[in-house]
Every structure is written in C-alpha cells, then in structure tokens.
Amino acid sequence: MYQIIAKSKYWLIFSAIVIALAIAAIAAWGLHFGIDFTGGSVLEARYAQDRPTVDKIQDSLDPLGLDNLIVQPVGDNEIRLRFQEVDEAKHQEILNKLGELSPQVDGQPGFEELRYDSIEPSVGRDLRSRALTAVFLVLVAIIIYVAWAFRKVSQPVSSWKYGVCGVVALFHDVLIMVSFMALLGHYYGYQVDITSVAAVLTILGYSINDTIVVFDRTRENLLRTRQSFAETVNISLNQTLTRSIYTSVTVMLTLVAIVLFGGASIRDFALILLIGSFFGVYSSIFIASPLLVVWNDWSNRRKAK
C-alpha cells in the first residue's frame, strides 16, 4: 500500500512551489485576450500553395492601417489574422490584398477565406465578465453540493470541509492552467477566448468528479472501520488510485492524439485540456485528501491546547 498521506508534506510543498511559479508567470506575462473578450476581428484563410511569409503579409496590409494586427501561420498553408474591428468595405480590401499575394492555380483562385468573425469591444467586455461569473458560480455550487452530499458524515471532519478542500484543489488546477495560457501566449501568441473558458469549466467538472470518488470511498470506509482518519483516507486513496490513473491516462491519450493530429482550430483547446487533465488527477490524489487530513490534524491540535 502506498503511503500517500504519510508524505502529505512533500505533495503540498511541491504544489506550493508550482503555484508560486504559476502566479509569477501570470504576473510577468499576463494573459493575451482574444477578440471574444476585447473586441475586434479574426480572419482565417488558406493558400492553395506557397503561403506568403508573415513579413510579406504584414507589408501588404500596412497601407490599410489595421491596428493591433497579428499574423499567425497555421498548419502548412493557412493563416490567421487578428486586428481591430473593421466594416465590410475594409474586410473586402483585406481579402483583395491577401489574394494579390497568391496567383491562380489551374484557373482557380489561389486564396480562400475560411472564417471571418467580428465582435464589438462592449460585447467582449460583457463576455469576459460573464465568463468570470460562470467560474465563480461553479466553484460556489461545488462547495454547496459536496457539503450536502457528505452531510451524513460529519465526524471527524465537518461535511463542508470536504467541499472547501475540493475547491482548493480546483483553484490549484485553474491557476496552473491559466499560467500555461500565459506561457503559451508569451512564446506562441496563444490568445484566451471563449473556448479557453470552456476548457477551464470542463476541467473543473472533471477534477471534482475524481476528487468526489475518493471522498465517497472515504465516507464508506469511515462508516465501517475503526482506524484513524488519516489511515482511512490513505486506504481510500489506494483503493481508488488505479481507477483514477487508468481513467486519466485514457483521456490524456485521446487529447495527445488531438494535439498532434487535430486541426488548428481545436489544437489549442485540446492542449489546455491535456494540461488541466494531468494536474486535475494529481490534485485529486495528492492535494484534496491530504489537505483534508492536514486540516483535521490542525483542528485536533487546537482543541488539545
């Protein structure tokens, strides 16, 4: 049997270091918000062959005076442009400029627009506010639900503490995910958009599900064993460890395949999910339950004084 709880100090110290690095990354690099949250336009297009270089595309569009222009190569022959919100006339000018960079192929246009979206700044701010509210409400709802679900197991730990420890583990996962978004944004131009929020909410659900499986086994064992709380939690972790690892590895292998072979439109989403899935299973095993034991030990010491 693995002595996970006996080594709680090491898991929590490691997580504290990771969280400190995550906060430092976010503070140093910040998040690059996409047009979903800031307003603006995004245009994706494909060249039939010989995609122009980023410098050549930027030089071609310079006369149009586009603010905050970002040109990103995607795949072998696609490009993604992000720029200020423009009207339809300016949109057509952009397409003409991009089309001039590619000759026809077998009598067919060598340039094809794949996607064009435009969002007003006020809409972007509203979406950002709604996204933060959604994450906050999910965390509050999780605490309430877990406290209710474990209401019949109030000894030796109050039921609401299960919810708090579960949410602390979720904060751990979210901070690390956000720090990776900052890292990817700094080095690879990743922009936080509405799909990023969807990834965070997905991991919140996935991670708390894994945590509750462990908590539920702890609840069952508390009702039928006479061992200490720490020993009971450690037994419960060992009983669910194989299931947690197998499930998580299956999910992560699928996400790795999407990251490696999926399209550009889904790759960033899958990468964030992959990172969140890894740390989600880590926090379910090495953060939530050990934290519950540490909290219980601290409460007992206070009562003994």
C-alpha atoms as a PDB file:
ATOM      1  CA  MET A   1       0.000   0.000   0.000  1.00  0.00           C
ATOM      2  CA  TYR A   2       1.295   3.437  -0.954  1.00  0.00           C
ATOM      3  CA  GLN A   3       1.761   5.808   1.991  1.00  0.00           C
ATOM      4  CA  ILE A   4       0.345   8.856   0.243  1.00  0.00           C
ATOM      5  CA  ILE A   5      -0.977  10.588   3.354  1.00  0.00           C
ATOM      6  CA  ALA A   6       2.235   9.981   5.309  1.00  0.00           C
ATOM      7  CA  LYS A   7       4.064  12.040   2.685  1.00  0.00           C
ATOM      8  CA  SER A   8       1.468  14.816   2.509  1.00  0.00           C
ATOM      9  CA  LYS A   9       4.095  17.411   3.374  1.00  0.00           C
ATOM     10  CA  TYR A  10       6.043  16.704   0.192  1.00  0.00           C
ATOM     11  CA  TRP A  11       2.988  16.833  -2.088  1.00  0.00           C
ATOM     12  CA  LEU A  12       1.792  20.109  -0.578  1.00  0.00           C
ATOM     13  CA  ILE A  13       5.258  21.699  -0.723  1.00  0.00           C
ATOM     14  CA  PHE A  14       5.603  20.688  -4.374  1.00  0.00           C
ATOM     15  CA  SER A  15       2.189  22.157  -5.165  1.00  0.00           C
ATOM     16  CA  ALA A  16       3.023  25.355  -3.292  1.00  0.00           C
ATOM     17  CA  ILE A  17       6.146  25.756  -5.450  1.00  0.00           C
ATOM     18  CA  VAL A  18       4.172  25.086  -8.651  1.00  0.00           C
ATOM     19  CA  ILE A  19       1.504  27.600  -7.606  1.00  0.00           C
ATOM     20  CA  ALA A  20       4.167  30.219  -6.831  1.00  0.00           C
ATOM     21  CA  LEU A  21       5.678  29.705 -10.291  1.00  0.00           C
ATOM     22  CA  ALA A  22       2.204  29.872 -11.853  1.00  0.00           C
ATOM     23  CA  ILE A  23       1.424  33.181 -10.144  1.00  0.00           C
ATOM     24  CA  ALA A  24       4.825  34.542 -11.182  1.00  0.00           C
ATOM     25  CA  ALA A  25       4.189  33.540 -14.813  1.00  0.00           C
ATOM     26  CA  ILE A  26       0.780  35.201 -14.832  1.00  0.00           C
ATOM     27  CA  ALA A  27       2.153  38.357 -13.205  1.00  0.00           C
ATOM     28  CA  ALA A  28       5.139  38.549 -15.563  1.00  0.00           C
ATOM     29  CA  TRP A  29       3.458  37.744 -18.872  1.00  0.00           C
ATOM     30  CA  GLY A  30      -0.235  38.321 -18.282  1.00  0.00           C
ATOM     31  CA  LEU A  31      -2.941  36.871 -20.498  1.00  0.00           C
ATOM     32  CA  HIS A  32      -3.392  37.696 -24.153  1.00  0.00           C
ATOM     33  CA  PHE A  33      -7.140  38.018 -24.559  1.00  0.00           C
ATOM     34  CA  GLY A  34      -8.647  37.219 -27.933  1.00  0.00           C
ATOM     35  CA  ILE A  35     -11.335  39.150 -29.707  1.00  0.00           C
ATOM     36  CA  ASP A  36     -14.009  37.244 -27.782  1.00  0.00           C
ATOM     37  CA  PHE A  37     -13.071  39.360 -24.760  1.00  0.00           C
ATOM     38  CA  THR A  38     -11.520  42.507 -26.211  1.00  0.00           C
ATOM     39  CA  GLY A  39     -13.492  43.017 -29.401  1.00  0.00           C
ATOM     40  CA  GLY A  40     -12.004  43.014 -32.880  1.00  0.00           C
ATOM     41  CA  SER A  41     -11.898  40.778 -35.937  1.00  0.00           C
ATOM     42  CA  VAL A  42     -10.377  37.432 -36.794  1.00  0.00           C
ATOM     43  CA  LEU A  43      -9.892  36.154 -40.323  1.00  0.00           C
ATOM     44  CA  GLU A  44      -8.686  32.680 -41.252  1.00  0.00           C
ATOM     45  CA  ALA A  45      -7.727  31.783 -44.805  1.00  0.00           C
ATOM     46  CA  ARG A  46      -5.953  29.115 -46.830  1.00  0.00           C
ATOM     47  CA  TYR A  47      -3.495  29.451 -49.715  1.00  0.00           C
ATOM     48  CA  ALA A  48      -3.566  26.731 -52.339  1.00  0.00           C
ATOM     49  CA  GLN A  49       0.223  26.676 -52.360  1.00  0.00           C
ATOM     50  CA  ASP A  50       3.261  28.701 -51.380  1.00  0.00           C
ATOM     51  CA  ARG A  51       1.826  30.597 -48.427  1.00  0.00           C
ATOM     52  CA  PRO A  52       3.430  34.075 -48.228  1.00  0.00           C
ATOM     53  CA  THR A  53       5.706  34.804 -45.305  1.00  0.00           C
ATOM     54  CA  VAL A  54       4.396  36.673 -42.263  1.00  0.00           C
ATOM     55  CA  ASP A  55       6.524  39.718 -43.161  1.00  0.00           C
ATOM     56  CA  LYS A  56       5.177  39.766 -46.693  1.00  0.00           C
ATOM     57  CA  ILE A  57       1.571  39.615 -45.472  1.00  0.00           C
ATOM     58  CA  GLN A  58       2.179  42.386 -42.957  1.00  0.00           C
ATOM     59  CA  ASP A  59       3.846  44.589 -45.589  1.00  0.00           C
ATOM     60  CA  SER A  60       0.902  44.035 -47.924  1.00  0.00           C
ATOM     61  CA  LEU A  61      -1.623  45.064 -45.258  1.00  0.00           C
ATOM     62  CA  ASP A  62       0.337  48.039 -43.877  1.00  0.00           C
ATOM     63  CA  PRO A  63      -1.335  50.577 -46.221  1.00  0.00           C
ATOM     64  CA  LEU A  64      -4.731  49.655 -44.754  1.00  0.00           C
ATOM     65  CA  GLY A  65      -3.723  50.950 -41.312  1.00  0.00           C
ATOM     66  CA  LEU A  66      -5.021  47.998 -39.304  1.00  0.00           C
ATOM     67  CA  ASP A  67      -4.499  48.426 -35.557  1.00  0.00           C
ATOM     68  CA  ASN A  68      -3.240  45.527 -33.395  1.00  0.00           C
ATOM     69  CA  LEU A  69      -2.589  43.347 -36.427  1.00  0.00           C
ATOM     70  CA  ILE A  70      -1.348  39.847 -35.585  1.00  0.00           C
ATOM     71  CA  VAL A  71      -0.470  37.384 -38.348  1.00  0.00           C
ATOM     72  CA  GLN A  72      -0.191  33.714 -37.345  1.00  0.00           C
ATOM     73  CA  PRO A  73       0.754  30.860 -39.678  1.00  0.00           C
ATOM     74  CA  VAL A  74      -1.479  27.826 -39.152  1.00  0.00           C
ATOM     75  CA  GLY A  75      -0.609  24.387 -40.468  1.00  0.00           C
ATOM     76  CA  ASP A  76       1.072  24.234 -43.872  1.00  0.00           C
ATOM     77  CA  ASN A  77      -0.865  26.776 -45.922  1.00  0.00           C
ATOM     78  CA  GLU A  78      -3.302  28.564 -43.609  1.00  0.00           C
ATOM     79  CA  ILE A  79      -3.071  31.921 -41.848  1.00  0.00           C
ATOM     80  CA  ARG A  80      -4.979  33.578 -39.010  1.00  0.00           C
ATOM     81  CA  LEU A  81      -5.226  37.363 -38.822  1.00  0.00           C
ATOM     82  CA  ARG A  82      -6.386  39.310 -35.772  1.00  0.00           C
ATOM     83  CA  PHE A  83      -6.963  43.035 -35.939  1.00  0.00           C
ATOM     84  CA  GLN A  84      -9.236  45.878 -34.916  1.00  0.00           C
ATOM     85  CA  GLU A  85     -12.938  45.772 -35.696  1.00  0.00           C
ATOM     86  CA  VAL A  86     -13.498  46.860 -39.322  1.00  0.00           C
ATOM     87  CA  ASP A  87     -16.501  47.418 -41.576  1.00  0.00           C
ATOM     88  CA  GLU A  88     -17.359  45.222 -44.550  1.00  0.00           C
ATOM     89  CA  ALA A  89     -15.653  47.525 -47.056  1.00  0.00           C
ATOM     90  CA  LYS A  90     -12.359  47.253 -45.162  1.00  0.00           C
ATOM     91  CA  HIS A  91     -12.882  43.495 -44.866  1.00  0.00           C
ATOM     92  CA  GLN A  92     -13.059  43.215 -48.644  1.00  0.00           C
ATOM     93  CA  GLU A  93      -9.932  45.353 -49.032  1.00  0.00           C
ATOM     94  CA  ILE A  94      -8.076  42.945 -46.753  1.00  0.00           C
ATOM     95  CA  LEU A  95      -9.206  39.978 -48.832  1.00  0.00           C
ATOM     96  CA  ASN A  96      -8.094  41.707 -52.023  1.00  0.00           C
ATOM     97  CA  LYS A  97      -4.656  42.415 -50.589  1.00  0.00           C
ATOM     98  CA  LEU A  98      -4.238  38.832 -49.418  1.00  0.00           C
ATOM     99  CA  GLY A  99      -5.474  37.485 -52.749  1.00  0.00           C
ATOM    100  CA  GLU A 100      -2.907  39.556 -54.635  1.00  0.00           C
ATOM    101  CA  LEU A 101      -0.164  37.594 -52.887  1.00  0.00           C
ATOM    102  CA  SER A 102      -1.218  34.302 -54.458  1.00  0.00           C
ATOM    103  CA  PRO A 103      -1.560  33.559 -58.186  1.00  0.00           C
ATOM    104  CA  GLN A 104      -4.334  31.347 -59.523  1.00  0.00           C
ATOM    105  CA  VAL A 105      -3.817  27.590 -59.595  1.00  0.00           C
ATOM    106  CA  ASP A 106      -5.219  25.772 -62.657  1.00  0.00           C
ATOM    107  CA  GLY A 107      -7.534  28.681 -63.299  1.00  0.00           C
ATOM    108  CA  GLN A 108      -8.858  28.630 -59.716  1.00  0.00           C
ATOM    109  CA  PRO A 109      -8.242  31.268 -57.022  1.00  0.00           C
ATOM    110  CA  GLY A 110      -5.108  30.532 -55.027  1.00  0.00           C
ATOM    111  CA  PHE A 111      -6.600  32.045 -51.907  1.00  0.00           C
ATOM    112  CA  GLU A 112      -9.711  31.033 -49.902  1.00  0.00           C
ATOM    113  CA  GLU A 113     -11.295  32.685 -46.855  1.00  0.00           C
ATOM    114  CA  LEU A 114     -12.246  30.094 -44.239  1.00  0.00           C
ATOM    115  CA  ARG A 115     -13.652  32.203 -41.426  1.00  0.00           C
ATOM    116  CA  TYR A 116     -14.352  35.805 -40.527  1.00  0.00           C
ATOM    117  CA  ASP A 117     -15.739  36.989 -37.169  1.00  0.00           C
ATOM    118  CA  SER A 118     -16.106  40.479 -35.769  1.00  0.00           C
ATOM    119  CA  ILE A 119     -17.019  41.362 -32.171  1.00  0.00           C
ATOM    120  CA  GLU A 120     -17.624  44.812 -30.703  1.00  0.00           C
ATOM    121  CA  PRO A 121     -15.481  45.793 -27.664  1.00  0.00           C
ATOM    122  CA  SER A 122     -18.569  46.184 -25.442  1.00  0.00           C
ATOM    123  CA  VAL A 123     -19.648  42.638 -26.287  1.00  0.00           C
ATOM    124  CA  GLY A 124     -16.156  41.366 -25.491  1.00  0.00           C
ATOM    125  CA  ARG A 125     -16.153  43.021 -22.070  1.00  0.00           C
ATOM    126  CA  ASP A 126     -19.564  41.560 -21.318  1.00  0.00           C
ATOM    127  CA  LEU A 127     -18.384  38.082 -22.301  1.00  0.00           C
ATOM    128  CA  ARG A 128     -15.313  38.399 -20.056  1.00  0.00           C
ATOM    129  CA  SER A 129     -17.487  39.418 -17.108  1.00  0.00           C
ATOM    130  CA  ARG A 130     -19.890  36.544 -17.748  1.00  0.00           C
ATOM    131  CA  ALA A 131     -17.007  34.063 -18.017  1.00  0.00           C
ATOM    132  CA  LEU A 132     -15.564  35.084 -14.628  1.00  0.00           C
ATOM    133  CA  THR A 133     -19.023  34.944 -13.089  1.00  0.00           C
ATOM    134  CA  ALA A 134     -19.580  31.457 -14.503  1.00  0.00           C
ATOM    135  CA  VAL A 135     -16.332  30.145 -12.989  1.00  0.00           C
ATOM    136  CA  PHE A 136     -17.121  31.731  -9.600  1.00  0.00           C
ATOM    137  CA  LEU A 137     -20.666  30.337  -9.500  1.00  0.00           C
ATOM    138  CA  VAL A 138     -19.412  26.861 -10.425  1.00  0.00           C
ATOM    139  CA  LEU A 139     -16.961  26.892  -7.502  1.00  0.00           C
ATOM    140  CA  VAL A 140     -19.631  28.060  -5.037  1.00  0.00           C
ATOM    141  CA  ALA A 141     -22.089  25.453  -6.335  1.00  0.00           C
ATOM    142  CA  ILE A 142     -19.468  22.712  -5.901  1.00  0.00           C
ATOM    143  CA  ILE A 143     -18.885  23.633  -2.231  1.00  0.00           C
ATOM    144  CA  ILE A 144     -22.625  23.624  -1.539  1.00  0.00           C
ATOM    145  CA  TYR A 145     -23.218  20.346  -3.368  1.00  0.00           C
ATOM    146  CA  VAL A 146     -20.322  18.477  -1.724  1.00  0.00           C
ATOM    147  CA  ALA A 147     -21.322  19.756   1.719  1.00  0.00           C
ATOM    148  CA  TRP A 148     -24.854  18.476   1.113  1.00  0.00           C
ATOM    149  CA  ALA A 149     -23.696  15.143  -0.304  1.00  0.00           C
ATOM    150  CA  PHE A 150     -21.486  14.474   2.730  1.00  0.00           C
ATOM    151  CA  ARG A 151     -23.917  15.834   5.321  1.00  0.00           C
ATOM    152  CA  LYS A 152     -24.282  12.398   6.979  1.00  0.00           C
ATOM    153  CA  VAL A 153     -20.545  12.138   7.585  1.00  0.00           C
ATOM    154  CA  SER A 154     -19.767  14.973   9.956  1.00  0.00           C
ATOM    155  CA  GLN A 155     -17.199  13.124  12.065  1.00  0.00           C
ATOM    156  CA  PRO A 156     -14.346  13.586  12.453  1.00  0.00           C
ATOM    157  CA  VAL A 157     -14.432  16.249   9.686  1.00  0.00           C
ATOM    158  CA  SER A 158     -17.374  18.556   9.024  1.00  0.00           C
ATOM    159  CA  SER A 159     -19.066  17.901   5.692  1.00  0.00           C
ATOM    160  CA  TRP A 160     -18.449  21.428   4.370  1.00  0.00           C
ATOM    161  CA  LYS A 161     -14.689  20.923   4.735  1.00  0.00           C
ATOM    162  CA  TYR A 162     -14.827  18.260   2.015  1.00  0.00           C
ATOM    163  CA  GLY A 163     -16.240  20.911  -0.327  1.00  0.00           C
ATOM    164  CA  VAL A 164     -13.647  23.506   0.638  1.00  0.00           C
ATOM    165  CA  CYS A 165     -10.739  21.083   0.135  1.00  0.00           C
ATOM    166  CA  GLY A 166     -12.175  20.040  -3.218  1.00  0.00           C
ATOM    167  CA  VAL A 167     -12.431  23.663  -4.343  1.00  0.00           C
ATOM    168  CA  VAL A 168      -8.890  24.450  -3.122  1.00  0.00           C
ATOM    169  CA  ALA A 169      -7.703  21.616  -5.359  1.00  0.00           C
ATOM    170  CA  LEU A 170      -9.712  23.164  -8.216  1.00  0.00           C
ATOM    171  CA  PHE A 171      -8.068  26.547  -7.637  1.00  0.00           C
ATOM    172  CA  HIS A 172      -4.743  24.721  -7.872  1.00  0.00           C
ATOM    173  CA  ASP A 173      -5.754  23.278 -11.256  1.00  0.00           C
ATOM    174  CA  VAL A 174      -7.180  26.532 -12.623  1.00  0.00           C
ATOM    175  CA  LEU A 175      -4.141  28.609 -11.631  1.00  0.00           C
ATOM    176  CA  ILE A 176      -1.808  26.168 -13.346  1.00  0.00           C
ATOM    177  CA  MET A 177      -3.989  26.106 -16.475  1.00  0.00           C
ATOM    178  CA  VAL A 178      -4.085  29.911 -16.590  1.00  0.00           C
ATOM    179  CA  SER A 179      -0.307  30.101 -16.118  1.00  0.00           C
ATOM    180  CA  PHE A 180       0.146  27.788 -19.116  1.00  0.00           C
ATOM    181  CA  MET A 181      -2.141  30.080 -21.107  1.00  0.00           C
ATOM    182  CA  ALA A 182       0.157  32.963 -20.152  1.00  0.00           C
ATOM    183  CA  LEU A 183       3.215  30.900 -21.115  1.00  0.00           C
ATOM    184  CA  LEU A 184       1.760  29.908 -24.483  1.00  0.00           C
ATOM    185  CA  GLY A 185       0.622  33.476 -25.076  1.00  0.00           C
ATOM    186  CA  HIS A 186       4.084  34.873 -24.381  1.00  0.00           C
ATOM    187  CA  TYR A 187       6.001  32.439 -26.585  1.00  0.00           C
ATOM    188  CA  TYR A 188       3.471  31.279 -29.178  1.00  0.00           C
ATOM    189  CA  GLY A 189       0.840  34.026 -29.339  1.00  0.00           C
ATOM    190  CA  TYR A 190      -1.922  31.965 -27.715  1.00  0.00           C
ATOM    191  CA  GLN A 191      -4.983  34.106 -27.007  1.00  0.00           C
ATOM    192  CA  VAL A 192      -7.559  33.431 -24.323  1.00  0.00           C
ATOM    193  CA  ASP A 193     -11.009  33.154 -25.864  1.00  0.00           C
ATOM    194  CA  ILE A 194     -14.354  31.609 -25.041  1.00  0.00           C
ATOM    195  CA  THR A 195     -13.036  28.104 -25.785  1.00  0.00           C
ATOM    196  CA  SER A 196     -10.394  28.648 -23.085  1.00  0.00           C
ATOM    197  CA  VAL A 197     -13.175  29.276 -20.581  1.00  0.00           C
ATOM    198  CA  ALA A 198     -14.925  26.139 -21.810  1.00  0.00           C
ATOM    199  CA  ALA A 199     -11.690  24.198 -21.197  1.00  0.00           C
ATOM    200  CA  VAL A 200     -11.431  25.566 -17.637  1.00  0.00           C
ATOM    201  CA  LEU A 201     -15.050  24.685 -16.849  1.00  0.00           C
ATOM    202  CA  THR A 202     -14.544  21.215 -18.321  1.00  0.00           C
ATOM    203  CA  ILE A 203     -11.545  20.580 -16.076  1.00  0.00           C
ATOM    204  CA  LEU A 204     -13.430  21.901 -13.052  1.00  0.00           C
ATOM    205  CA  GLY A 205     -16.059  19.232 -13.608  1.00  0.00           C
ATOM    206  CA  TYR A 206     -13.550  16.511 -14.451  1.00  0.00           C
ATOM    207  CA  SER A 207     -11.290  17.206 -11.480  1.00  0.00           C
ATOM    208  CA  ILE A 208     -14.031  17.488  -8.856  1.00  0.00           C
ATOM    209  CA  ASN A 209     -15.561  14.256 -10.155  1.00  0.00           C
ATOM    210  CA  ASP A 210     -12.300  12.429  -9.490  1.00  0.00           C
ATOM    211  CA  THR A 211     -11.982  14.075  -6.069  1.00  0.00           C
ATOM    212  CA  ILE A 212     -15.518  13.102  -5.061  1.00  0.00           C
ATOM    213  CA  VAL A 213     -14.817   9.473  -5.986  1.00  0.00           C
ATOM    214  CA  VAL A 214     -12.025   9.461  -3.394  1.00  0.00           C
ATOM    215  CA  PHE A 215     -14.130  11.351  -0.838  1.00  0.00           C
ATOM    216  CA  ASP A 216     -17.024   8.943  -1.342  1.00  0.00           C
ATOM    217  CA  ARG A 217     -14.800   5.935  -0.707  1.00  0.00           C
ATOM    218  CA  THR A 218     -13.507   7.709   2.413  1.00  0.00           C
ATOM    219  CA  ARG A 219     -17.101   8.195   3.559  1.00  0.00           C
ATOM    220  CA  GLU A 220     -17.851   4.497   3.071  1.00  0.00           C
ATOM    221  CA  ASN A 221     -14.721   3.421   4.933  1.00  0.00           C
ATOM    222  CA  LEU A 222     -15.383   5.793   7.839  1.00  0.00           C
ATOM    223  CA  LEU A 223     -18.700   4.047   8.471  1.00  0.00           C
ATOM    224  CA  ARG A 224     -17.207   0.566   8.653  1.00  0.00           C
ATOM    225  CA  THR A 225     -13.648   0.882  10.001  1.00  0.00           C
ATOM    226  CA  ARG A 226     -12.183   1.908  13.347  1.00  0.00           C
ATOM    227  CA  GLN A 227      -8.872   3.202  12.061  1.00  0.00           C
ATOM    228  CA  SER A 228      -7.653   6.772  12.374  1.00  0.00           C
ATOM    229  CA  PHE A 229      -8.921   9.336   9.922  1.00  0.00           C
ATOM    230  CA  ALA A 230      -5.510   9.599   8.217  1.00  0.00           C
ATOM    231  CA  GLU A 231      -5.271   5.822   7.805  1.00  0.00           C
ATOM    232  CA  THR A 232      -8.816   5.642   6.472  1.00  0.00           C
ATOM    233  CA  VAL A 233      -8.119   8.344   3.886  1.00  0.00           C
ATOM    234  CA  ASN A 234      -4.902   6.609   2.825  1.00  0.00           C
ATOM    235  CA  ILE A 235      -6.742   3.305   2.362  1.00  0.00           C
ATOM    236  CA  SER A 236      -9.420   5.072   0.326  1.00  0.00           C
ATOM    237  CA  LEU A 237      -6.816   6.699  -1.910  1.00  0.00           C
ATOM    238  CA  ASN A 238      -5.145   3.360  -2.574  1.00  0.00           C
ATOM    239  CA  GLN A 239      -8.493   1.722  -3.372  1.00  0.00           C
ATOM    240  CA  THR A 240      -9.304   4.357  -5.999  1.00  0.00           C
ATOM    241  CA  LEU A 241      -5.776   5.040  -7.261  1.00  0.00           C
ATOM    242  CA  THR A 242      -5.782   2.509 -10.109  1.00  0.00           C
ATOM    243  CA  ARG A 243      -9.194   3.646 -11.330  1.00  0.00           C
ATOM    244  CA  SER A 244      -8.126   7.321 -11.301  1.00  0.00           C
ATOM    245  CA  ILE A 245      -4.895   6.660 -13.192  1.00  0.00           C
ATOM    246  CA  TYR A 246      -6.461   4.407 -15.838  1.00  0.00           C
ATOM    247  CA  THR A 247      -9.297   6.844 -16.495  1.00  0.00           C
ATOM    248  CA  SER A 248      -6.974   9.833 -16.683  1.00  0.00           C
ATOM    249  CA  VAL A 249      -4.432   8.148 -18.950  1.00  0.00           C
ATOM    250  CA  THR A 250      -7.224   7.170 -21.345  1.00  0.00           C
ATOM    251  CA  VAL A 251      -8.439  10.768 -21.510  1.00  0.00           C
ATOM    252  CA  MET A 252      -4.932  12.181 -21.883  1.00  0.00           C
ATOM    253  CA  LEU A 253      -4.003   9.766 -24.688  1.00  0.00           C
ATOM    254  CA  THR A 254      -7.047  10.949 -26.607  1.00  0.00           C
ATOM    255  CA  LEU A 255      -6.095  14.589 -26.053  1.00  0.00           C
ATOM    256  CA  VAL A 256      -2.485  13.923 -27.119  1.00  0.00           C
ATOM    257  CA  ALA A 257      -3.790  12.477 -30.388  1.00  0.00           C
ATOM    258  CA  ILE A 258      -5.897  15.610 -30.951  1.00  0.00           C
ATOM    259  CA  VAL A 259      -2.955  17.895 -30.175  1.00  0.00           C
ATOM    260  CA  LEU A 260      -0.672  16.021 -32.581  1.00  0.00           C
ATOM    261  CA  PHE A 261      -3.084  15.269 -35.401  1.00  0.00           C
ATOM    262  CA  GLY A 262      -6.103  17.529 -34.881  1.00  0.00           C
ATOM    263  CA  GLY A 263      -6.871  20.679 -36.804  1.00  0.00           C
ATOM    264  CA  ALA A 264      -5.570  24.079 -35.808  1.00  0.00           C
ATOM    265  CA  SER A 265      -8.992  25.210 -34.616  1.00  0.00           C
ATOM    266  CA  ILE A 266      -9.166  22.502 -31.923  1.00  0.00           C
ATOM    267  CA  ARG A 267      -5.471  22.026 -31.083  1.00  0.00           C
ATOM    268  CA  ASP A 268      -5.137  24.846 -28.524  1.00  0.00           C
ATOM    269  CA  PHE A 269      -8.330  23.762 -26.773  1.00  0.00           C
ATOM    270  CA  ALA A 270      -7.084  20.159 -26.572  1.00  0.00           C
ATOM    271  CA  LEU A 271      -3.673  21.270 -25.256  1.00  0.00           C
ATOM    272  CA  ILE A 272      -5.222  23.260 -22.414  1.00  0.00           C
ATOM    273  CA  LEU A 273      -7.474  20.301 -21.604  1.00  0.00           C
ATOM    274  CA  LEU A 274      -4.452  17.991 -21.596  1.00  0.00           C
ATOM    275  CA  ILE A 275      -2.596  20.179 -19.101  1.00  0.00           C
ATOM    276  CA  GLY A 276      -5.699  20.546 -16.956  1.00  0.00           C
ATOM    277  CA  SER A 277      -6.410  16.800 -17.015  1.00  0.00           C
ATOM    278  CA  PHE A 278      -2.914  15.952 -15.797  1.00  0.00           C
ATOM    279  CA  PHE A 279      -2.966  18.378 -12.897  1.00  0.00           C
ATOM    280  CA  GLY A 280      -6.622  17.557 -12.220  1.00  0.00           C
ATOM    281  CA  VAL A 281      -5.849  13.937 -11.429  1.00  0.00           C
ATOM    282  CA  TYR A 282      -2.736  14.998  -9.495  1.00  0.00           C
ATOM    283  CA  SER A 283      -4.736  17.359  -7.276  1.00  0.00           C
ATOM    284  CA  SER A 284      -7.481  14.779  -6.697  1.00  0.00           C
ATOM    285  CA  ILE A 285      -4.944  12.328  -5.291  1.00  0.00           C
ATOM    286  CA  PHE A 286      -2.188  14.448  -3.793  1.00  0.00           C
ATOM    287  CA  ILE A 287      -3.918  17.701  -2.801  1.00  0.00           C
ATOM    288  CA  ALA A 288      -7.600  17.368  -1.853  1.00  0.00           C
ATOM    289  CA  SER A 289      -7.428  14.356   0.502  1.00  0.00           C
ATOM    290  CA  PRO A 290      -4.033  15.161   2.087  1.00  0.00           C
ATOM    291  CA  LEU A 291      -5.283  18.715   2.685  1.00  0.00           C
ATOM    292  CA  LEU A 292      -8.357  17.309   4.419  1.00  0.00           C
ATOM    293  CA  VAL A 293      -6.135  15.262   6.752  1.00  0.00           C
ATOM    294  CA  VAL A 294      -3.823  18.203   7.460  1.00  0.00           C
ATOM    295  CA  TRP A 295      -6.834  20.389   8.278  1.00  0.00           C
ATOM    296  CA  ASN A 296      -8.225  17.722  10.624  1.00  0.00           C
ATOM    297  CA  ASP A 297      -4.866  17.295  12.398  1.00  0.00           C
ATOM    298  CA  TRP A 298      -4.544  21.064  12.814  1.00  0.00           C
ATOM    299  CA  SER A 299      -8.078  21.274  14.286  1.00  0.00           C
ATOM    300  CA  ASN A 300      -7.304  18.459  16.729  1.00  0.00           C
ATOM    301  CA  ARG A 301      -4.125  20.203  17.905  1.00  0.00           C
ATOM    302  CA  ARG A 302      -6.061  23.404  18.513  1.00  0.00           C
ATOM    303  CA  LYS A 303      -8.677  21.562  20.574  1.00  0.00           C
ATOM    304  CA  ALA A 304      -5.965  19.844  22.615  1.00  0.00           C
ATOM    305  CA  LYS A 305      -4.409  23.151  23.740  1.00  0.00           C
END
